Amino acid sequence: MEKNIVTKDISEIDLKHTFFHYTCKDNLGTILKNGLEPRIGENALYVERTSKVFFAQGEKGIITIMDVWLRWLTAKISTGNFKYWFGTVIYMRMPFCIKAIPNSMVKKSLASKKKRLMAYSKMRKILEESIFLILDLEEKVDFDYNDIDEVKKTYYESFLKLLYPKSSNLKDYKMEYWNMHTYTNKVIDPKKIELLKEGNIDNANEILIGIIEKNIEYVKTNCEFLYEYYLYDLEKKSLC
């Protein structure tokens, strides 16, 4: 880990309002040198139209975005790269597409224990090699709470209901606390970035598990996939 990064323990921060971003540990050196640069990541490929830095607000934001990403990963597993590209870039954006087809594919994938476990395995590997960053962002300078969620604006409601939180208002295109982003092409200065730790731990998966455990009843009730991921992680650790 880079020696000149400012660190902050999770016990020292406002867990309701802090802005968090997770990234691969290997990116930290470049981030400290050039800042956090806007990208369209692998998971957002073919979905987002412009490069932005994505982040979540508060521990509930972390919990919710992780649950959503587990759903996206599970849905993506059922298609393969070409079908995923064709479906998201072409078919689902056609004005007269048969919505029941992609909806049915996603429902079947989400219902498959085998595919969910594949998604959990992939997410765990990602998080084991990742860290959480704390971003010191300013509204109207770095982002706007009223900015548009491009996914909401692009895809139809019945599809997004399968992947977005039940509490999401899909008729309102504004971004939500769990899926926020900076202005397009906005670079976050290294001085506005700190590394999140819990004691001596900076591993994103371990920090996530700690956050889940502190909010376990909320996760059980609102985040079905994340709760199952939590049980999956516990089982993996018990086998080590």
C-alpha atoms as a PDB file:
ATOM      1  CA  MET A   1       0.000   0.000   0.000  1.00  0.00           C
ATOM      2  CA  GLU A   2       1.206   3.512  -0.809  1.00  0.00           C
ATOM      3  CA  LYS A   3       2.838   5.200   2.198  1.00  0.00           C
ATOM      4  CA  ASN A   4       1.721   8.740   1.403  1.00  0.00           C
ATOM      5  CA  ILE A   5      -2.014   8.062   1.364  1.00  0.00           C
ATOM      6  CA  VAL A   6      -4.051   9.656   4.146  1.00  0.00           C
ATOM      7  CA  THR A   7      -6.052   6.985   5.991  1.00  0.00           C
ATOM      8  CA  LYS A   8      -9.157   7.255   8.125  1.00  0.00           C
ATOM      9  CA  ASP A   9     -10.694   4.612  10.365  1.00  0.00           C
ATOM     10  CA  ILE A  10     -14.347   3.753   9.817  1.00  0.00           C
ATOM     11  CA  SER A  11     -15.022   4.554  13.486  1.00  0.00           C
ATOM     12  CA  GLU A  12     -13.986   8.179  12.903  1.00  0.00           C
ATOM     13  CA  ILE A  13     -16.332   9.098  10.064  1.00  0.00           C
ATOM     14  CA  ASP A  14     -19.964  10.047   9.560  1.00  0.00           C
ATOM     15  CA  LEU A  15     -21.356   6.796   8.191  1.00  0.00           C
ATOM     16  CA  LYS A  16     -24.546   8.462   6.996  1.00  0.00           C
ATOM     17  CA  HIS A  17     -23.161  11.228   4.802  1.00  0.00           C
ATOM     18  CA  THR A  18     -19.619  10.234   3.752  1.00  0.00           C
ATOM     19  CA  PHE A  19     -18.985   9.556   0.051  1.00  0.00           C
ATOM     20  CA  PHE A  20     -17.349   6.214  -0.808  1.00  0.00           C
ATOM     21  CA  HIS A  21     -15.767   4.779  -3.945  1.00  0.00           C
ATOM     22  CA  TYR A  22     -14.233   1.340  -4.332  1.00  0.00           C
ATOM     23  CA  THR A  23     -11.396   0.503  -6.693  1.00  0.00           C
ATOM     24  CA  CYS A  24      -8.663  -2.071  -7.268  1.00  0.00           C
ATOM     25  CA  LYS A  25      -5.685  -1.732  -4.886  1.00  0.00           C
ATOM     26  CA  ASP A  26      -3.365  -1.642  -7.896  1.00  0.00           C
ATOM     27  CA  ASN A  27      -4.945   1.654  -8.993  1.00  0.00           C
ATOM     28  CA  LEU A  28      -3.943   3.522  -5.854  1.00  0.00           C
ATOM     29  CA  GLY A  29      -0.518   4.669  -7.061  1.00  0.00           C
ATOM     30  CA  THR A  30      -1.965   6.196 -10.225  1.00  0.00           C
ATOM     31  CA  ILE A  31      -4.823   7.769  -8.255  1.00  0.00           C
ATOM     32  CA  LEU A  32      -2.403   9.436  -5.835  1.00  0.00           C
ATOM     33  CA  LYS A  33      -0.439  10.787  -8.792  1.00  0.00           C
ATOM     34  CA  ASN A  34      -3.172  11.815 -11.233  1.00  0.00           C
ATOM     35  CA  GLY A  35      -6.300  11.905  -9.121  1.00  0.00           C
ATOM     36  CA  LEU A  36      -9.378   9.723  -9.465  1.00  0.00           C
ATOM     37  CA  GLU A  37     -10.107   9.823 -13.180  1.00  0.00           C
ATOM     38  CA  PRO A  38     -13.568   9.261 -14.654  1.00  0.00           C
ATOM     39  CA  ARG A  39     -13.980   5.931 -16.425  1.00  0.00           C
ATOM     40  CA  ILE A  40     -16.627   3.615 -17.795  1.00  0.00           C
ATOM     41  CA  GLY A  41     -15.735   0.444 -15.916  1.00  0.00           C
ATOM     42  CA  GLU A  42     -16.214  -3.153 -16.992  1.00  0.00           C
ATOM     43  CA  ASN A  43     -19.463  -3.532 -15.074  1.00  0.00           C
ATOM     44  CA  ALA A  44     -20.900  -0.357 -16.609  1.00  0.00           C
ATOM     45  CA  LEU A  45     -19.720  -1.123 -20.139  1.00  0.00           C
ATOM     46  CA  TYR A  46     -22.498  -0.619 -22.742  1.00  0.00           C
ATOM     47  CA  VAL A  47     -24.729   0.901 -20.044  1.00  0.00           C
ATOM     48  CA  GLU A  48     -23.203   4.288 -19.190  1.00  0.00           C
ATOM     49  CA  ARG A  49     -22.752   6.775 -22.014  1.00  0.00           C
ATOM     50  CA  THR A  50     -20.191   9.161 -20.497  1.00  0.00           C
ATOM     51  CA  SER A  51     -17.155   8.832 -18.225  1.00  0.00           C
ATOM     52  CA  LYS A  52     -17.783   9.724 -14.581  1.00  0.00           C
ATOM     53  CA  VAL A  53     -16.523   8.807 -11.131  1.00  0.00           C
ATOM     54  CA  PHE A  54     -19.182   6.782  -9.324  1.00  0.00           C
ATOM     55  CA  PHE A  55     -19.669   6.771  -5.582  1.00  0.00           C
ATOM     56  CA  ALA A  56     -22.184   5.939  -2.872  1.00  0.00           C
ATOM     57  CA  GLN A  57     -23.322   8.055   0.053  1.00  0.00           C
ATOM     58  CA  GLY A  58     -23.178   6.478   3.501  1.00  0.00           C
ATOM     59  CA  GLU A  59     -23.045   2.883   4.665  1.00  0.00           C
ATOM     60  CA  LYS A  60     -26.584   2.299   3.369  1.00  0.00           C
ATOM     61  CA  GLY A  61     -25.319   3.452  -0.015  1.00  0.00           C
ATOM     62  CA  ILE A  62     -22.530   0.872   0.077  1.00  0.00           C
ATOM     63  CA  ILE A  63     -24.962  -1.858   1.113  1.00  0.00           C
ATOM     64  CA  THR A  64     -27.439  -0.999  -1.617  1.00  0.00           C
ATOM     65  CA  ILE A  65     -24.990  -0.624  -4.515  1.00  0.00           C
ATOM     66  CA  MET A  66     -23.358  -3.953  -3.647  1.00  0.00           C
ATOM     67  CA  ASP A  67     -26.743  -5.679  -3.672  1.00  0.00           C
ATOM     68  CA  VAL A  68     -27.522  -4.140  -7.059  1.00  0.00           C
ATOM     69  CA  TRP A  69     -24.117  -5.100  -8.505  1.00  0.00           C
ATOM     70  CA  LEU A  70     -24.649  -8.698  -7.405  1.00  0.00           C
ATOM     71  CA  ARG A  71     -27.926  -8.694  -9.322  1.00  0.00           C
ATOM     72  CA  TRP A  72     -26.253  -7.182 -12.411  1.00  0.00           C
ATOM     73  CA  LEU A  73     -23.422  -9.715 -12.289  1.00  0.00           C
ATOM     74  CA  THR A  74     -25.863 -12.606 -11.953  1.00  0.00           C
ATOM     75  CA  ALA A  75     -27.954 -11.327 -14.862  1.00  0.00           C
ATOM     76  CA  LYS A  76     -24.863 -10.802 -17.007  1.00  0.00           C
ATOM     77  CA  ILE A  77     -23.653 -14.369 -16.401  1.00  0.00           C
ATOM     78  CA  SER A  78     -26.699 -15.754 -18.213  1.00  0.00           C
ATOM     79  CA  THR A  79     -25.969 -13.978 -21.469  1.00  0.00           C
ATOM     80  CA  GLY A  80     -22.264 -14.005 -22.352  1.00  0.00           C
ATOM     81  CA  ASN A  81     -20.486 -10.954 -23.737  1.00  0.00           C
ATOM     82  CA  PHE A  82     -22.036 -10.852 -27.215  1.00  0.00           C
ATOM     83  CA  LYS A  83     -25.628 -11.381 -26.059  1.00  0.00           C
ATOM     84  CA  TYR A  84     -25.110  -8.848 -23.292  1.00  0.00           C
ATOM     85  CA  TRP A  85     -23.784  -6.289 -25.783  1.00  0.00           C
ATOM     86  CA  PHE A  86     -26.543  -6.968 -28.299  1.00  0.00           C
ATOM     87  CA  GLY A  87     -29.275  -6.878 -25.659  1.00  0.00           C
ATOM     88  CA  THR A  88     -28.195  -3.744 -23.810  1.00  0.00           C
ATOM     89  CA  VAL A  89     -26.847  -1.693 -26.710  1.00  0.00           C
ATOM     90  CA  ILE A  90     -29.253  -2.619 -29.515  1.00  0.00           C
ATOM     91  CA  TYR A  91     -32.284  -4.761 -28.687  1.00  0.00           C
ATOM     92  CA  MET A  92     -33.452  -3.145 -25.439  1.00  0.00           C
ATOM     93  CA  ARG A  93     -33.099   0.336 -26.934  1.00  0.00           C
ATOM     94  CA  MET A  94     -35.339  -0.462 -29.878  1.00  0.00           C
ATOM     95  CA  PRO A  95     -38.747   1.231 -29.519  1.00  0.00           C
ATOM     96  CA  PHE A  96     -40.665  -1.968 -30.270  1.00  0.00           C
ATOM     97  CA  CYS A  97     -38.554  -4.603 -28.524  1.00  0.00           C
ATOM     98  CA  ILE A  98     -40.445  -7.448 -26.860  1.00  0.00           C
ATOM     99  CA  LYS A  99     -39.763  -6.645 -23.213  1.00  0.00           C
ATOM    100  CA  ALA A 100     -40.761 -10.084 -21.997  1.00  0.00           C
ATOM    101  CA  ILE A 101     -37.670 -11.668 -23.604  1.00  0.00           C
ATOM    102  CA  PRO A 102     -34.881  -9.899 -21.644  1.00  0.00           C
ATOM    103  CA  ASN A 103     -37.082  -9.806 -18.539  1.00  0.00           C
ATOM    104  CA  SER A 104     -37.532 -13.571 -18.676  1.00  0.00           C
ATOM    105  CA  MET A 105     -33.804 -14.162 -19.160  1.00  0.00           C
ATOM    106  CA  VAL A 106     -32.922 -12.015 -16.161  1.00  0.00           C
ATOM    107  CA  LYS A 107     -35.603 -13.601 -13.955  1.00  0.00           C
ATOM    108  CA  LYS A 108     -34.325 -17.092 -14.755  1.00  0.00           C
ATOM    109  CA  SER A 109     -30.757 -16.064 -14.068  1.00  0.00           C
ATOM    110  CA  LEU A 110     -31.607 -14.407 -10.751  1.00  0.00           C
ATOM    111  CA  ALA A 111     -33.533 -17.509  -9.690  1.00  0.00           C
ATOM    112  CA  SER A 112     -30.590 -19.814 -10.439  1.00  0.00           C
ATOM    113  CA  LYS A 113     -28.577 -20.670  -7.321  1.00  0.00           C
ATOM    114  CA  LYS A 114     -25.689 -21.815  -9.535  1.00  0.00           C
ATOM    115  CA  LYS A 115     -25.492 -18.467 -11.337  1.00  0.00           C
ATOM    116  CA  ARG A 116     -25.845 -16.497  -8.113  1.00  0.00           C
ATOM    117  CA  LEU A 117     -22.912 -18.407  -6.647  1.00  0.00           C
ATOM    118  CA  MET A 118     -20.880 -17.681  -9.770  1.00  0.00           C
ATOM    119  CA  ALA A 119     -21.635 -13.976  -9.340  1.00  0.00           C
ATOM    120  CA  TYR A 120     -20.743 -14.095  -5.633  1.00  0.00           C
ATOM    121  CA  SER A 121     -17.434 -15.776  -6.429  1.00  0.00           C
ATOM    122  CA  LYS A 122     -16.610 -13.094  -8.989  1.00  0.00           C
ATOM    123  CA  MET A 123     -17.593 -10.256  -6.673  1.00  0.00           C
ATOM    124  CA  ARG A 124     -15.599 -11.708  -3.777  1.00  0.00           C
ATOM    125  CA  LYS A 125     -12.466 -11.915  -5.929  1.00  0.00           C
ATOM    126  CA  ILE A 126     -12.957  -8.297  -7.015  1.00  0.00           C
ATOM    127  CA  LEU A 127     -13.481  -7.036  -3.470  1.00  0.00           C
ATOM    128  CA  GLU A 128     -10.563  -9.013  -2.049  1.00  0.00           C
ATOM    129  CA  GLU A 129      -8.323  -7.017  -4.394  1.00  0.00           C
ATOM    130  CA  SER A 130     -10.091  -3.713  -3.789  1.00  0.00           C
ATOM    131  CA  ILE A 131     -10.172  -0.840  -1.325  1.00  0.00           C
ATOM    132  CA  PHE A 132     -12.708   1.798  -0.325  1.00  0.00           C
ATOM    133  CA  LEU A 133     -11.780   5.427  -0.802  1.00  0.00           C
ATOM    134  CA  ILE A 134     -13.345   8.345   1.041  1.00  0.00           C
ATOM    135  CA  LEU A 135     -14.053  11.261  -1.302  1.00  0.00           C
ATOM    136  CA  ASP A 136     -14.255  14.848  -0.078  1.00  0.00           C
ATOM    137  CA  LEU A 137     -16.744  16.077  -2.651  1.00  0.00           C
ATOM    138  CA  GLU A 138     -18.623  19.351  -2.866  1.00  0.00           C
ATOM    139  CA  GLU A 139     -22.093  19.724  -4.342  1.00  0.00           C
ATOM    140  CA  LYS A 140     -22.252  22.020  -7.405  1.00  0.00           C
ATOM    141  CA  VAL A 141     -18.468  21.747  -7.749  1.00  0.00           C
ATOM    142  CA  ASP A 142     -17.914  18.013  -8.120  1.00  0.00           C
ATOM    143  CA  PHE A 143     -21.473  16.736  -8.559  1.00  0.00           C
ATOM    144  CA  ASP A 144     -25.139  17.663  -8.556  1.00  0.00           C
ATOM    145  CA  TYR A 145     -27.765  15.755  -6.554  1.00  0.00           C
ATOM    146  CA  ASN A 146     -30.212  16.444  -9.380  1.00  0.00           C
ATOM    147  CA  ASP A 147     -28.029  14.844 -12.058  1.00  0.00           C
ATOM    148  CA  ILE A 148     -29.522  12.097 -14.206  1.00  0.00           C
ATOM    149  CA  ASP A 149     -29.095   8.353 -13.753  1.00  0.00           C
ATOM    150  CA  GLU A 150     -28.448   7.341 -17.368  1.00  0.00           C
ATOM    151  CA  VAL A 151     -29.490   3.745 -16.722  1.00  0.00           C
ATOM    152  CA  LYS A 152     -32.936   4.843 -15.540  1.00  0.00           C
ATOM    153  CA  LYS A 153     -33.328   7.053 -18.569  1.00  0.00           C
ATOM    154  CA  THR A 154     -32.206   4.355 -21.033  1.00  0.00           C
ATOM    155  CA  TYR A 155     -33.996   1.179 -19.951  1.00  0.00           C
ATOM    156  CA  TYR A 156     -37.644   0.451 -19.306  1.00  0.00           C
ATOM    157  CA  GLU A 157     -39.180   0.195 -15.859  1.00  0.00           C
ATOM    158  CA  SER A 158     -40.166  -3.490 -15.804  1.00  0.00           C
ATOM    159  CA  PHE A 159     -36.540  -4.482 -16.518  1.00  0.00           C
ATOM    160  CA  LEU A 160     -34.998  -2.171 -13.939  1.00  0.00           C
ATOM    161  CA  LYS A 161     -37.412  -3.409 -11.269  1.00  0.00           C
ATOM    162  CA  LEU A 162     -35.555  -6.720 -11.443  1.00  0.00           C
ATOM    163  CA  LEU A 163     -32.216  -5.074 -10.655  1.00  0.00           C
ATOM    164  CA  TYR A 164     -32.802  -1.833  -8.778  1.00  0.00           C
ATOM    165  CA  PRO A 165     -33.842  -1.567  -5.097  1.00  0.00           C
ATOM    166  CA  LYS A 166     -37.550  -1.826  -4.350  1.00  0.00           C
ATOM    167  CA  SER A 167     -37.406   1.671  -2.870  1.00  0.00           C
ATOM    168  CA  SER A 168     -36.174   3.258  -6.118  1.00  0.00           C
ATOM    169  CA  ASN A 169     -38.503   5.637  -7.945  1.00  0.00           C
ATOM    170  CA  LEU A 170     -37.898   4.525 -11.521  1.00  0.00           C
ATOM    171  CA  LYS A 171     -40.130   7.250 -12.913  1.00  0.00           C
ATOM    172  CA  ASP A 172     -37.769   9.882 -11.495  1.00  0.00           C
ATOM    173  CA  TYR A 173     -34.538   9.889 -13.491  1.00  0.00           C
ATOM    174  CA  LYS A 174     -32.498  11.618 -10.781  1.00  0.00           C
ATOM    175  CA  MET A 175     -29.577   9.634  -9.374  1.00  0.00           C
ATOM    176  CA  GLU A 176     -29.978   8.150  -5.902  1.00  0.00           C
ATOM    177  CA  TYR A 177     -27.724   8.008  -2.838  1.00  0.00           C
ATOM    178  CA  TRP A 178     -26.429   4.527  -3.679  1.00  0.00           C
ATOM    179  CA  ASN A 179     -25.549   5.244  -7.325  1.00  0.00           C
ATOM    180  CA  MET A 180     -24.140   8.764  -7.460  1.00  0.00           C
ATOM    181  CA  HIS A 181     -21.623  10.202  -9.881  1.00  0.00           C
ATOM    182  CA  THR A 182     -19.508  13.264 -10.488  1.00  0.00           C
ATOM    183  CA  TYR A 183     -19.924  15.626 -13.386  1.00  0.00           C
ATOM    184  CA  THR A 184     -18.858  14.074 -16.681  1.00  0.00           C
ATOM    185  CA  ASN A 185     -15.054  14.027 -17.108  1.00  0.00           C
ATOM    186  CA  LYS A 186     -14.525  15.467 -13.602  1.00  0.00           C
ATOM    187  CA  VAL A 187     -11.196  14.376 -12.060  1.00  0.00           C
ATOM    188  CA  ILE A 188     -11.051  14.139  -8.252  1.00  0.00           C
ATOM    189  CA  ASP A 189      -7.861  15.712  -6.908  1.00  0.00           C
ATOM    190  CA  PRO A 190      -5.653  13.401  -4.795  1.00  0.00           C
ATOM    191  CA  LYS A 191      -5.954  15.870  -1.889  1.00  0.00           C
ATOM    192  CA  LYS A 192      -9.679  15.051  -1.727  1.00  0.00           C
ATOM    193  CA  ILE A 193      -9.089  11.300  -1.348  1.00  0.00           C
ATOM    194  CA  GLU A 194      -8.488   9.198   1.780  1.00  0.00           C
ATOM    195  CA  LEU A 195      -8.189   5.444   2.306  1.00  0.00           C
ATOM    196  CA  LEU A 196     -10.866   3.796   4.455  1.00  0.00           C
ATOM    197  CA  LYS A 197      -9.619   1.355   7.070  1.00  0.00           C
ATOM    198  CA  GLU A 198     -11.092  -0.630   9.932  1.00  0.00           C
ATOM    199  CA  GLY A 199      -8.296  -1.075  12.414  1.00  0.00           C
ATOM    200  CA  ASN A 200      -5.428  -2.456  10.354  1.00  0.00           C
ATOM    201  CA  ILE A 201      -7.739  -3.724   7.601  1.00  0.00           C
ATOM    202  CA  ASP A 202      -8.158  -1.958   4.259  1.00  0.00           C
ATOM    203  CA  ASN A 203      -9.538  -4.948   2.326  1.00  0.00           C
ATOM    204  CA  ALA A 204     -12.843  -3.899   0.736  1.00  0.00           C
ATOM    205  CA  ASN A 205     -14.491  -7.270   1.281  1.00  0.00           C
ATOM    206  CA  GLU A 206     -13.702  -7.324   4.993  1.00  0.00           C
ATOM    207  CA  ILE A 207     -14.906  -3.755   5.419  1.00  0.00           C
ATOM    208  CA  LEU A 208     -18.110  -4.602   3.528  1.00  0.00           C
ATOM    209  CA  ILE A 209     -18.734  -7.648   5.734  1.00  0.00           C
ATOM    210  CA  GLY A 210     -18.265  -5.458   8.814  1.00  0.00           C
ATOM    211  CA  ILE A 211     -20.794  -2.943   7.490  1.00  0.00           C
ATOM    212  CA  ILE A 212     -23.258  -5.744   6.726  1.00  0.00           C
ATOM    213  CA  GLU A 213     -22.937  -7.130  10.251  1.00  0.00           C
ATOM    214  CA  LYS A 214     -23.607  -3.701  11.766  1.00  0.00           C
ATOM    215  CA  ASN A 215     -26.761  -3.452   9.620  1.00  0.00           C
ATOM    216  CA  ILE A 216     -27.710  -7.126   9.458  1.00  0.00           C
ATOM    217  CA  GLU A 217     -31.467  -6.713  10.002  1.00  0.00           C
ATOM    218  CA  TYR A 218     -31.646  -4.022   7.324  1.00  0.00           C
ATOM    219  CA  VAL A 219     -29.697  -6.239   4.914  1.00  0.00           C
ATOM    220  CA  LYS A 220     -31.928  -9.253   5.624  1.00  0.00           C
ATOM    221  CA  THR A 221     -35.041  -7.215   4.897  1.00  0.00           C
ATOM    222  CA  ASN A 222     -33.912  -5.097   1.945  1.00  0.00           C
ATOM    223  CA  CYS A 223     -30.926  -6.735   0.249  1.00  0.00           C
ATOM    224  CA  GLU A 224     -31.678 -10.353  -0.571  1.00  0.00           C
ATOM    225  CA  PHE A 225     -28.629 -10.916  -2.754  1.00  0.00           C
ATOM    226  CA  LEU A 226     -26.192  -9.174  -0.436  1.00  0.00           C
ATOM    227  CA  TYR A 227     -27.440 -11.188   2.522  1.00  0.00           C
ATOM    228  CA  GLU A 228     -26.923 -14.395   0.560  1.00  0.00           C
ATOM    229  CA  TYR A 229     -23.454 -13.127  -0.390  1.00  0.00           C
ATOM    230  CA  TYR A 230     -22.732 -12.545   3.294  1.00  0.00           C
ATOM    231  CA  LEU A 231     -23.640 -16.165   4.100  1.00  0.00           C
ATOM    232  CA  TYR A 232     -21.541 -17.311   1.129  1.00  0.00           C
ATOM    233  CA  ASP A 233     -18.555 -15.340   2.444  1.00  0.00           C
ATOM    234  CA  LEU A 234     -18.957 -16.839   5.928  1.00  0.00           C
ATOM    235  CA  GLU A 235     -19.032 -20.342   4.441  1.00  0.00           C
ATOM    236  CA  LYS A 236     -15.880 -19.682   2.403  1.00  0.00           C
ATOM    237  CA  LYS A 237     -14.053 -18.443   5.492  1.00  0.00           C
ATOM    238  CA  SER A 238     -15.127 -21.471   7.520  1.00  0.00           C
ATOM    239  CA  LEU A 239     -13.497 -23.738   4.933  1.00  0.00           C
ATOM    240  CA  CYS A 240     -10.121 -21.961   5.142  1.00  0.00           C
END
